[in-house]
Amino acid sequence: MSKRTKVINTTQDDLDTIYGLFESAIAYQRKNTYPVWKGYDKNALIKDIEEGNQYKITMGKDIAMLFSVCYSDPLIWGERENGNALYLHRIVVNPAYKGNKLFAMVLA
């Protein structure tokens, strides 16, 4: 990761950019005939910000990637959920930064 690249929490000031990135991701999915998100829950994004669970990778002044963390996911894992994992949700890459292996930064 370069000195210009940071992983930090998103803020309310980022909301317009966040919404734009989600809309861009949905358009990309449609264009490439991938399974398409039917939309996104703005209230869930705001809650993630308020609870400190949404992060952005910045490159310079740009938001290159977004992701949210969750510490349990019983909706998906049901009885197997035991609270000892970290789940990544709502992952969106800025189209200008595709191919930069940003998700590898998150995993590291």
C-alpha atoms as a PDB file:
ATOM      1  CA  MET A   1       0.000   0.000   0.000  1.00  0.00           C
ATOM      2  CA  SER A   2       1.453   3.388  -0.936  1.00  0.00           C
ATOM      3  CA  LYS A   3       1.598   6.386   1.360  1.00  0.00           C
ATOM      4  CA  ARG A   4      -1.272   7.861  -0.618  1.00  0.00           C
ATOM      5  CA  THR A   5      -3.466   4.799  -0.076  1.00  0.00           C
ATOM      6  CA  LYS A   6      -5.422   4.618   3.175  1.00  0.00           C
ATOM      7  CA  VAL A   7      -8.125   2.424   4.683  1.00  0.00           C
ATOM      8  CA  ILE A   8     -10.348   4.600   6.860  1.00  0.00           C
ATOM      9  CA  ASN A   9     -13.966   4.867   7.947  1.00  0.00           C
ATOM     10  CA  THR A  10     -16.450   6.561   5.667  1.00  0.00           C
ATOM     11  CA  THR A  11     -18.309   9.620   6.905  1.00  0.00           C
ATOM     12  CA  GLN A  12     -21.653  11.250   6.215  1.00  0.00           C
ATOM     13  CA  ASP A  13     -19.771  13.616   3.876  1.00  0.00           C
ATOM     14  CA  ASP A  14     -19.042  10.627   1.612  1.00  0.00           C
ATOM     15  CA  LEU A  15     -22.698   9.685   1.065  1.00  0.00           C
ATOM     16  CA  ASP A  16     -23.118  11.227  -2.396  1.00  0.00           C
ATOM     17  CA  THR A  17     -19.982   9.448  -3.611  1.00  0.00           C
ATOM     18  CA  ILE A  18     -21.082   6.200  -1.940  1.00  0.00           C
ATOM     19  CA  TYR A  19     -24.486   6.314  -3.637  1.00  0.00           C
ATOM     20  CA  GLY A  20     -22.818   7.075  -6.979  1.00  0.00           C
ATOM     21  CA  LEU A  21     -20.459   4.113  -6.615  1.00  0.00           C
ATOM     22  CA  PHE A  22     -23.342   1.754  -5.835  1.00  0.00           C
ATOM     23  CA  GLU A  23     -25.280   3.022  -8.858  1.00  0.00           C
ATOM     24  CA  SER A  24     -22.172   2.574 -11.014  1.00  0.00           C
ATOM     25  CA  ALA A  25     -21.740  -1.005  -9.750  1.00  0.00           C
ATOM     26  CA  ILE A  26     -25.349  -1.856 -10.598  1.00  0.00           C
ATOM     27  CA  ALA A  27     -24.944  -0.369 -14.093  1.00  0.00           C
ATOM     28  CA  TYR A  28     -21.740  -2.423 -14.563  1.00  0.00           C
ATOM     29  CA  GLN A  29     -23.542  -5.611 -13.511  1.00  0.00           C
ATOM     30  CA  ARG A  30     -26.369  -4.955 -15.967  1.00  0.00           C
ATOM     31  CA  LYS A  31     -24.010  -4.098 -18.824  1.00  0.00           C
ATOM     32  CA  ASN A  32     -22.036  -7.306 -18.357  1.00  0.00           C
ATOM     33  CA  THR A  33     -25.091  -9.518 -17.761  1.00  0.00           C
ATOM     34  CA  TYR A  34     -23.957 -10.434 -14.237  1.00  0.00           C
ATOM     35  CA  PRO A  35     -26.501 -11.112 -11.506  1.00  0.00           C
ATOM     36  CA  VAL A  36     -27.717  -7.614 -10.719  1.00  0.00           C
ATOM     37  CA  TRP A  37     -28.310  -6.064  -7.316  1.00  0.00           C
ATOM     38  CA  LYS A  38     -31.900  -4.936  -7.321  1.00  0.00           C
ATOM     39  CA  GLY A  39     -30.843  -1.770  -5.558  1.00  0.00           C
ATOM     40  CA  TYR A  40     -29.207  -0.791  -2.321  1.00  0.00           C
ATOM     41  CA  ASP A  41     -30.509   0.189   1.082  1.00  0.00           C
ATOM     42  CA  LYS A  42     -29.489   3.769   1.815  1.00  0.00           C
ATOM     43  CA  ASN A  43     -30.532   3.370   5.450  1.00  0.00           C
ATOM     44  CA  ALA A  44     -28.210   0.354   5.849  1.00  0.00           C
ATOM     45  CA  LEU A  45     -25.334   2.397   4.413  1.00  0.00           C
ATOM     46  CA  ILE A  46     -26.056   5.274   6.786  1.00  0.00           C
ATOM     47  CA  LYS A  47     -26.253   2.862   9.729  1.00  0.00           C
ATOM     48  CA  ASP A  48     -22.912   1.318   8.727  1.00  0.00           C
ATOM     49  CA  ILE A  49     -21.351   4.791   8.756  1.00  0.00           C
ATOM     50  CA  GLU A  50     -22.909   5.713  12.096  1.00  0.00           C
ATOM     51  CA  GLU A  51     -21.726   2.464  13.706  1.00  0.00           C
ATOM     52  CA  GLY A  52     -18.222   2.731  12.229  1.00  0.00           C
ATOM     53  CA  ASN A  53     -18.652  -0.424  10.151  1.00  0.00           C
ATOM     54  CA  GLN A  54     -18.128   0.999   6.663  1.00  0.00           C
ATOM     55  CA  TYR A  55     -14.658   1.636   5.312  1.00  0.00           C
ATOM     56  CA  LYS A  56     -13.166   3.219   2.240  1.00  0.00           C
ATOM     57  CA  ILE A  57      -9.868   2.714   0.546  1.00  0.00           C
ATOM     58  CA  THR A  58      -8.674   6.060  -0.668  1.00  0.00           C
ATOM     59  CA  MET A  59      -6.068   6.665  -3.304  1.00  0.00           C
ATOM     60  CA  GLY A  60      -5.101  10.271  -3.046  1.00  0.00           C
ATOM     61  CA  LYS A  61      -8.371  12.154  -2.680  1.00  0.00           C
ATOM     62  CA  ASP A  62     -10.486   9.508  -4.459  1.00  0.00           C
ATOM     63  CA  ILE A  63     -12.548   6.742  -2.913  1.00  0.00           C
ATOM     64  CA  ALA A  64     -11.266   3.661  -4.729  1.00  0.00           C
ATOM     65  CA  MET A  65     -13.286   1.020  -2.865  1.00  0.00           C
ATOM     66  CA  LEU A  66     -15.967   0.649  -0.193  1.00  0.00           C
ATOM     67  CA  PHE A  67     -16.814  -2.234   2.089  1.00  0.00           C
ATOM     68  CA  SER A  68     -18.749  -2.888   5.271  1.00  0.00           C
ATOM     69  CA  VAL A  69     -17.885  -5.260   8.084  1.00  0.00           C
ATOM     70  CA  CYS A  70     -20.274  -7.307  10.151  1.00  0.00           C
ATOM     71  CA  TYR A  71     -19.410  -9.417  13.179  1.00  0.00           C
ATOM     72  CA  SER A  72     -22.253 -11.890  12.841  1.00  0.00           C
ATOM     73  CA  ASP A  73     -24.541 -12.937  10.016  1.00  0.00           C
ATOM     74  CA  PRO A  74     -27.213 -15.326  11.265  1.00  0.00           C
ATOM     75  CA  LEU A  75     -29.398 -14.575   8.231  1.00  0.00           C
ATOM     76  CA  ILE A  76     -26.869 -16.319   5.990  1.00  0.00           C
ATOM     77  CA  TRP A  77     -25.212 -18.761   8.400  1.00  0.00           C
ATOM     78  CA  GLY A  78     -28.202 -19.691  10.585  1.00  0.00           C
ATOM     79  CA  GLU A  79     -27.343 -22.158  13.325  1.00  0.00           C
ATOM     80  CA  ARG A  80     -23.717 -22.287  12.197  1.00  0.00           C
ATOM     81  CA  GLU A  81     -23.245 -18.627  13.176  1.00  0.00           C
ATOM     82  CA  ASN A  82     -21.172 -18.545  16.350  1.00  0.00           C
ATOM     83  CA  GLY A  83     -19.902 -14.958  16.382  1.00  0.00           C
ATOM     84  CA  ASN A  84     -16.236 -15.699  15.806  1.00  0.00           C
ATOM     85  CA  ALA A  85     -15.864 -14.353  12.279  1.00  0.00           C
ATOM     86  CA  LEU A  86     -15.733 -11.101  10.368  1.00  0.00           C
ATOM     87  CA  TYR A  87     -17.980 -10.789   7.317  1.00  0.00           C
ATOM     88  CA  LEU A  88     -17.467  -8.357   4.468  1.00  0.00           C
ATOM     89  CA  HIS A  89     -20.555  -6.898   2.822  1.00  0.00           C
ATOM     90  CA  ARG A  90     -21.514  -4.252   0.296  1.00  0.00           C
ATOM     91  CA  ILE A  91     -18.151  -4.292  -1.485  1.00  0.00           C
ATOM     92  CA  VAL A  92     -17.938  -1.757  -4.303  1.00  0.00           C
ATOM     93  CA  VAL A  93     -14.934  -0.766  -6.407  1.00  0.00           C
ATOM     94  CA  ASN A  94     -14.695   2.574  -8.137  1.00  0.00           C
ATOM     95  CA  PRO A  95     -14.516   1.771 -11.886  1.00  0.00           C
ATOM     96  CA  ALA A  96     -11.473   4.031 -12.231  1.00  0.00           C
ATOM     97  CA  TYR A  97      -9.571   1.715  -9.860  1.00  0.00           C
ATOM     98  CA  LYS A  98     -10.563  -1.731 -11.122  1.00  0.00           C
ATOM     99  CA  GLY A  99      -7.565  -3.998 -11.556  1.00  0.00           C
ATOM    100  CA  ASN A 100      -5.601  -2.516  -8.639  1.00  0.00           C
ATOM    101  CA  LYS A 101      -6.102  -5.604  -6.427  1.00  0.00           C
ATOM    102  CA  LEU A 102      -7.837  -3.535  -3.772  1.00  0.00           C
ATOM    103  CA  PHE A 103      -9.627  -6.501  -2.255  1.00  0.00           C
ATOM    104  CA  ALA A 104      -6.236  -8.046  -1.490  1.00  0.00           C
ATOM    105  CA  MET A 105      -5.552  -4.975   0.692  1.00  0.00           C
ATOM    106  CA  VAL A 106      -8.748  -5.634   2.601  1.00  0.00           C
ATOM    107  CA  LEU A 107      -7.844  -9.265   3.192  1.00  0.00           C
ATOM    108  CA  ALA A 108      -4.359  -8.319   4.350  1.00  0.00           C
END
